[in-house]
Amino acid sequence: MIIRECSRPSCRGEAVTTLTYDYRDSLVVVGPLSPTPEPHSYDLCAVHTDRLSAPQGWQIVRYVVAD
């Protein structure tokens, strides 16, 4: 398995989540790392996932997979 890196500039952390934007509904959606890299999404490490904030007026939706 190939380890994917965080999409944030200068970060070499291992990606653990995938972030996508839904501009129409003003949503930031964060979920488990997608099985394959997606061209219009961002892979984030745990540190950047925890620090994530949304633009004013937007909501963050977090999908968590139960073990």
PDB file of N, CA and C in Angstrom:
ATOM      1  N   MET A   1       0.846  -1.181   0.000  1.00  0.00           N
ATOM      2  CA  MET A   1       0.000   0.000   0.000  1.00  0.00           C
ATOM      3  C   MET A   1       0.894   1.249   0.000  1.00  0.00           C
ATOM      4  N   ILE A   2       0.546   2.195  -0.818  1.00  0.00           N
ATOM      5  CA  ILE A   2       1.287   3.448  -0.894  1.00  0.00           C
ATOM      6  C   ILE A   2       0.712   4.424   0.132  1.00  0.00           C
ATOM      7  N   ILE A   3       1.604   5.019   0.917  1.00  0.00           N
ATOM      8  CA  ILE A   3       1.175   6.004   1.910  1.00  0.00           C
ATOM      9  C   ILE A   3       1.058   7.355   1.222  1.00  0.00           C
ATOM     10  N   ARG A   4      -0.099   7.989   1.391  1.00  0.00           N
ATOM     11  CA  ARG A   4      -0.307   9.311   0.802  1.00  0.00           C
ATOM     12  C   ARG A   4       0.042  10.379   1.817  1.00  0.00           C
ATOM     13  N   GLU A   5       0.638  11.461   1.332  1.00  0.00           N
ATOM     14  CA  GLU A   5       1.022  12.568   2.198  1.00  0.00           C
ATOM     15  C   GLU A   5      -0.090  13.610   2.280  1.00  0.00           C
ATOM     16  N   CYS A   6      -0.036  14.385   3.340  1.00  0.00           N
ATOM     17  CA  CYS A   6      -0.949  15.502   3.547  1.00  0.00           C
ATOM     18  C   CYS A   6      -0.826  16.482   2.383  1.00  0.00           C
ATOM     19  N   SER A   7      -1.946  17.045   1.964  1.00  0.00           N
ATOM     20  CA  SER A   7      -1.969  17.998   0.853  1.00  0.00           C
ATOM     21  C   SER A   7      -1.498  19.395   1.247  1.00  0.00           C
ATOM     22  N   ARG A   8      -1.367  19.667   2.535  1.00  0.00           N
ATOM     23  CA  ARG A   8      -0.938  20.995   2.973  1.00  0.00           C
ATOM     24  C   ARG A   8       0.520  21.231   2.574  1.00  0.00           C
ATOM     25  N   PRO A   9       0.821  22.424   2.071  1.00  0.00           N
ATOM     26  CA  PRO A   9       2.198  22.726   1.686  1.00  0.00           C
ATOM     27  C   PRO A   9       3.172  22.535   2.853  1.00  0.00           C
ATOM     28  N   SER A  10       4.314  21.981   2.565  1.00  0.00           N
ATOM     29  CA  SER A  10       5.402  21.753   3.526  1.00  0.00           C
ATOM     30  C   SER A  10       5.093  20.704   4.582  1.00  0.00           C
ATOM     31  N   CYS A  11       3.993  20.001   4.472  1.00  0.00           N
ATOM     32  CA  CYS A  11       3.668  18.946   5.431  1.00  0.00           C
ATOM     33  C   CYS A  11       3.948  17.598   4.790  1.00  0.00           C
ATOM     34  N   ARG A  12       4.661  16.772   5.497  1.00  0.00           N
ATOM     35  CA  ARG A  12       4.969  15.428   5.009  1.00  0.00           C
ATOM     36  C   ARG A  12       4.259  14.358   5.842  1.00  0.00           C
ATOM     37  N   GLY A  13       3.249  14.787   6.623  1.00  0.00           N
ATOM     38  CA  GLY A  13       2.515  13.846   7.460  1.00  0.00           C
ATOM     39  C   GLY A  13       1.700  12.870   6.627  1.00  0.00           C
ATOM     40  N   GLU A  14       1.440  11.711   7.207  1.00  0.00           N
ATOM     41  CA  GLU A  14       0.638  10.686   6.529  1.00  0.00           C
ATOM     42  C   GLU A  14      -0.833  11.101   6.526  1.00  0.00           C
ATOM     43  N   ALA A  15      -1.441  11.087   5.369  1.00  0.00           N
ATOM     44  CA  ALA A  15      -2.854  11.465   5.233  1.00  0.00           C
ATOM     45  C   ALA A  15      -3.746  10.438   5.916  1.00  0.00           C
ATOM     46  N   VAL A  16      -4.748  10.933   6.662  1.00  0.00           N
ATOM     47  CA  VAL A  16      -5.698  10.051   7.348  1.00  0.00           C
ATOM     48  C   VAL A  16      -7.145  10.376   7.006  1.00  0.00           C
ATOM     49  N   THR A  17      -7.389  11.564   6.421  1.00  0.00           N
ATOM     50  CA  THR A  17      -8.744  11.953   6.037  1.00  0.00           C
ATOM     51  C   THR A  17      -8.721  12.595   4.652  1.00  0.00           C
ATOM     52  N   THR A  18      -9.904  12.656   4.050  1.00  0.00           N
ATOM     53  CA  THR A  18     -10.063  13.353   2.771  1.00  0.00           C
ATOM     54  C   THR A  18     -11.086  14.465   2.969  1.00  0.00           C
ATOM     55  N   LEU A  19     -10.730  15.645   2.483  1.00  0.00           N
ATOM     56  CA  LEU A  19     -11.577  16.826   2.614  1.00  0.00           C
ATOM     57  C   LEU A  19     -12.100  17.216   1.235  1.00  0.00           C
ATOM     58  N   THR A  20     -13.372  17.546   1.177  1.00  0.00           N
ATOM     59  CA  THR A  20     -13.958  18.079  -0.054  1.00  0.00           C
ATOM     60  C   THR A  20     -14.830  19.280   0.312  1.00  0.00           C
ATOM     61  N   TYR A  21     -15.023  20.146  -0.663  1.00  0.00           N
ATOM     62  CA  TYR A  21     -15.871  21.322  -0.482  1.00  0.00           C
ATOM     63  C   TYR A  21     -17.144  21.144  -1.291  1.00  0.00           C
ATOM     64  N   ASP A  22     -18.259  21.550  -0.708  1.00  0.00           N
ATOM     65  CA  ASP A  22     -19.532  21.619  -1.414  1.00  0.00           C
ATOM     66  C   ASP A  22     -19.901  23.099  -1.445  1.00  0.00           C
ATOM     67  N   TYR A  23     -19.513  23.754  -2.522  1.00  0.00           N
ATOM     68  CA  TYR A  23     -19.682  25.203  -2.619  1.00  0.00           C
ATOM     69  C   TYR A  23     -21.150  25.613  -2.632  1.00  0.00           C
ATOM     70  N   ARG A  24     -21.989  24.832  -3.276  1.00  0.00           N
ATOM     71  CA  ARG A  24     -23.411  25.177  -3.374  1.00  0.00           C
ATOM     72  C   ARG A  24     -24.063  25.247  -1.998  1.00  0.00           C
ATOM     73  N   ASP A  25     -23.701  24.296  -1.117  1.00  0.00           N
ATOM     74  CA  ASP A  25     -24.314  24.242   0.208  1.00  0.00           C
ATOM     75  C   ASP A  25     -23.426  24.833   1.302  1.00  0.00           C
ATOM     76  N   SER A  26     -22.305  25.440   0.930  1.00  0.00           N
ATOM     77  CA  SER A  26     -21.352  26.031   1.883  1.00  0.00           C
ATOM     78  C   SER A  26     -20.938  25.035   2.963  1.00  0.00           C
ATOM     79  N   LEU A  27     -20.493  23.866   2.504  1.00  0.00           N
ATOM     80  CA  LEU A  27     -20.080  22.794   3.413  1.00  0.00           C
ATOM     81  C   LEU A  27     -18.634  22.395   3.164  1.00  0.00           C
ATOM     82  N   VAL A  28     -17.947  22.101   4.249  1.00  0.00           N
ATOM     83  CA  VAL A  28     -16.647  21.456   4.195  1.00  0.00           C
ATOM     84  C   VAL A  28     -16.902  20.046   4.715  1.00  0.00           C
ATOM     85  N   VAL A  29     -16.599  19.043   3.914  1.00  0.00           N
ATOM     86  CA  VAL A  29     -16.882  17.659   4.288  1.00  0.00           C
ATOM     87  C   VAL A  29     -15.565  16.921   4.502  1.00  0.00           C
ATOM     88  N   VAL A  30     -15.418  16.327   5.688  1.00  0.00           N
ATOM     89  CA  VAL A  30     -14.218  15.581   6.046  1.00  0.00           C
ATOM     90  C   VAL A  30     -14.635  14.162   6.388  1.00  0.00           C
ATOM     91  N   GLY A  31     -13.966  13.203   5.768  1.00  0.00           N
ATOM     92  CA  GLY A  31     -14.292  11.811   6.033  1.00  0.00           C
ATOM     93  C   GLY A  31     -13.048  10.954   6.002  1.00  0.00           C
ATOM     94  N   PRO A  32     -13.228   9.660   6.101  1.00  0.00           N
ATOM     95  CA  PRO A  32     -12.089   8.746   6.047  1.00  0.00           C
ATOM     96  C   PRO A  32     -11.315   8.937   4.746  1.00  0.00           C
ATOM     97  N   LEU A  33     -10.063   8.587   4.759  1.00  0.00           N
ATOM     98  CA  LEU A  33      -9.221   8.702   3.576  1.00  0.00           C
ATOM     99  C   LEU A  33      -9.847   7.912   2.430  1.00  0.00           C
ATOM    100  N   SER A  34     -10.022   8.563   1.296  1.00  0.00           N
ATOM    101  CA  SER A  34     -10.618   7.889   0.145  1.00  0.00           C
ATOM    102  C   SER A  34      -9.673   6.784  -0.339  1.00  0.00           C
ATOM    103  N   PRO A  35     -10.217   5.723  -0.908  1.00  0.00           N
ATOM    104  CA  PRO A  35      -9.379   4.604  -1.359  1.00  0.00           C
ATOM    105  C   PRO A  35      -8.358   5.012  -2.424  1.00  0.00           C
ATOM    106  N   THR A  36      -8.718   5.977  -3.245  1.00  0.00           N
ATOM    107  CA  THR A  36      -7.803   6.460  -4.279  1.00  0.00           C
ATOM    108  C   THR A  36      -7.788   7.984  -4.235  1.00  0.00           C
ATOM    109  N   PRO A  37      -6.689   8.600  -4.641  1.00  0.00           N
ATOM    110  CA  PRO A  37      -6.650  10.073  -4.657  1.00  0.00           C
ATOM    111  C   PRO A  37      -7.715  10.635  -5.608  1.00  0.00           C
ATOM    112  N   GLU A  38      -8.388  11.660  -5.161  1.00  0.00           N
ATOM    113  CA  GLU A  38      -9.424  12.304  -5.958  1.00  0.00           C
ATOM    114  C   GLU A  38      -8.908  13.660  -6.427  1.00  0.00           C
ATOM    115  N   PRO A  39      -9.147  14.032  -7.672  1.00  0.00           N
ATOM    116  CA  PRO A  39      -8.572  15.274  -8.199  1.00  0.00           C
ATOM    117  C   PRO A  39      -9.111  16.555  -7.568  1.00  0.00           C
ATOM    118  N   HIS A  40     -10.328  16.526  -7.034  1.00  0.00           N
ATOM    119  CA  HIS A  40     -10.923  17.753  -6.487  1.00  0.00           C
ATOM    120  C   HIS A  40     -11.099  17.682  -4.975  1.00  0.00           C
ATOM    121  N   SER A  41     -10.236  16.930  -4.321  1.00  0.00           N
ATOM    122  CA  SER A  41     -10.286  16.819  -2.868  1.00  0.00           C
ATOM    123  C   SER A  41      -8.873  16.922  -2.314  1.00  0.00           C
ATOM    124  N   TYR A  42      -8.789  16.991  -1.011  1.00  0.00           N
ATOM    125  CA  TYR A  42      -7.509  17.177  -0.335  1.00  0.00           C
ATOM    126  C   TYR A  42      -7.353  16.108   0.735  1.00  0.00           C
ATOM    127  N   ASP A  43      -6.194  15.495   0.791  1.00  0.00           N
ATOM    128  CA  ASP A  43      -5.887  14.529   1.834  1.00  0.00           C
ATOM    129  C   ASP A  43      -5.174  15.263   2.957  1.00  0.00           C
ATOM    130  N   LEU A  44      -5.593  15.011   4.196  1.00  0.00           N
ATOM    131  CA  LEU A  44      -5.016  15.713   5.343  1.00  0.00           C
ATOM    132  C   LEU A  44      -4.484  14.737   6.384  1.00  0.00           C
ATOM    133  N   CYS A  45      -3.408  15.141   7.056  1.00  0.00           N
ATOM    134  CA  CYS A  45      -2.876  14.367   8.169  1.00  0.00           C
ATOM    135  C   CYS A  45      -3.755  14.644   9.402  1.00  0.00           C
ATOM    136  N   ALA A  46      -3.501  13.916  10.487  1.00  0.00           N
ATOM    137  CA  ALA A  46      -4.299  14.078  11.706  1.00  0.00           C
ATOM    138  C   ALA A  46      -4.180  15.486  12.282  1.00  0.00           C
ATOM    139  N   VAL A  47      -2.979  16.063  12.256  1.00  0.00           N
ATOM    140  CA  VAL A  47      -2.773  17.404  12.807  1.00  0.00           C
ATOM    141  C   VAL A  47      -3.612  18.434  12.047  1.00  0.00           C
ATOM    142  N   HIS A  48      -3.567  18.399  10.726  1.00  0.00           N
ATOM    143  CA  HIS A  48      -4.318  19.379   9.943  1.00  0.00           C
ATOM    144  C   HIS A  48      -5.824  19.091   9.959  1.00  0.00           C
ATOM    145  N   THR A  49      -6.207  17.849  10.135  1.00  0.00           N
ATOM    146  CA  THR A  49      -7.626  17.533  10.288  1.00  0.00           C
ATOM    147  C   THR A  49      -8.158  18.164  11.574  1.00  0.00           C
ATOM    148  N   ASP A  50      -7.386  18.055  12.666  1.00  0.00           N
ATOM    149  CA  ASP A  50      -7.820  18.610  13.951  1.00  0.00           C
ATOM    150  C   ASP A  50      -7.858  20.138  13.942  1.00  0.00           C
ATOM    151  N   ARG A  51      -6.990  20.764  13.175  1.00  0.00           N
ATOM    152  CA  ARG A  51      -6.913  22.235  13.119  1.00  0.00           C
ATOM    153  C   ARG A  51      -7.867  22.852  12.099  1.00  0.00           C
ATOM    154  N   LEU A  52      -8.594  22.040  11.396  1.00  0.00           N
ATOM    155  CA  LEU A  52      -9.438  22.501  10.306  1.00  0.00           C
ATOM    156  C   LEU A  52     -10.499  23.495  10.768  1.00  0.00           C
ATOM    157  N   SER A  53     -10.647  24.562  10.025  1.00  0.00           N
ATOM    158  CA  SER A  53     -11.731  25.519  10.263  1.00  0.00           C
ATOM    159  C   SER A  53     -12.366  25.835   8.914  1.00  0.00           C
ATOM    160  N   ALA A  54     -13.585  26.316   8.974  1.00  0.00           N
ATOM    161  CA  ALA A  54     -14.330  26.629   7.747  1.00  0.00           C
ATOM    162  C   ALA A  54     -14.447  28.133   7.582  1.00  0.00           C
ATOM    163  N   PRO A  55     -14.635  28.582   6.350  1.00  0.00           N
ATOM    164  CA  PRO A  55     -14.878  30.011   6.141  1.00  0.00           C
ATOM    165  C   PRO A  55     -16.131  30.459   6.887  1.00  0.00           C
ATOM    166  N   GLN A  56     -16.196  31.734   7.204  1.00  0.00           N
ATOM    167  CA  GLN A  56     -17.355  32.269   7.914  1.00  0.00           C
ATOM    168  C   GLN A  56     -18.623  31.953   7.127  1.00  0.00           C
ATOM    169  N   GLY A  57     -19.627  31.438   7.827  1.00  0.00           N
ATOM    170  CA  GLY A  57     -20.906  31.113   7.204  1.00  0.00           C
ATOM    171  C   GLY A  57     -20.975  29.687   6.660  1.00  0.00           C
ATOM    172  N   TRP A  58     -19.865  28.966   6.704  1.00  0.00           N
ATOM    173  CA  TRP A  58     -19.829  27.584   6.233  1.00  0.00           C
ATOM    174  C   TRP A  58     -19.931  26.633   7.426  1.00  0.00           C
ATOM    175  N   GLN A  59     -20.341  25.402   7.132  1.00  0.00           N
ATOM    176  CA  GLN A  59     -20.412  24.362   8.150  1.00  0.00           C
ATOM    177  C   GLN A  59     -19.404  23.262   7.809  1.00  0.00           C
ATOM    178  N   ILE A  60     -18.943  22.580   8.860  1.00  0.00           N
ATOM    179  CA  ILE A  60     -18.069  21.430   8.667  1.00  0.00           C
ATOM    180  C   ILE A  60     -18.875  20.184   9.004  1.00  0.00           C
ATOM    181  N   VAL A  61     -18.864  19.232   8.104  1.00  0.00           N
ATOM    182  CA  VAL A  61     -19.502  17.934   8.336  1.00  0.00           C
ATOM    183  C   VAL A  61     -18.389  16.910   8.428  1.00  0.00           C
ATOM    184  N   ARG A  62     -18.349  16.175   9.532  1.00  0.00           N
ATOM    185  CA  ARG A  62     -17.307  15.160   9.740  1.00  0.00           C
ATOM    186  C   ARG A  62     -17.968  13.787   9.766  1.00  0.00           C
ATOM    187  N   TYR A  63     -17.506  12.931   8.882  1.00  0.00           N
ATOM    188  CA  TYR A  63     -17.959  11.550   8.845  1.00  0.00           C
ATOM    189  C   TYR A  63     -16.924  10.692   9.569  1.00  0.00           C
ATOM    190  N   VAL A  64     -17.374   9.958  10.571  1.00  0.00           N
ATOM    191  CA  VAL A  64     -16.478   9.114  11.339  1.00  0.00           C
ATOM    192  C   VAL A  64     -16.956   7.676  11.193  1.00  0.00           C
ATOM    193  N   VAL A  65     -16.028   6.791  10.884  1.00  0.00           N
ATOM    194  CA  VAL A  65     -16.362   5.382  10.750  1.00  0.00           C
ATOM    195  C   VAL A  65     -16.155   4.723  12.112  1.00  0.00           C
ATOM    196  N   ALA A  66     -17.191   4.085  12.623  1.00  0.00           N
ATOM    197  CA  ALA A  66     -17.090   3.387  13.911  1.00  0.00           C
ATOM    198  C   ALA A  66     -16.308   2.086  13.723  1.00  0.00           C
ATOM    199  N   ASP A  67     -15.490   1.785  14.701  1.00  0.00           N
ATOM    200  CA  ASP A  67     -14.695   0.548  14.634  1.00  0.00           C
ATOM    201  C   ASP A  67     -15.527  -0.666  14.901  1.00  0.00           C
TER     202      ASP A  67
END
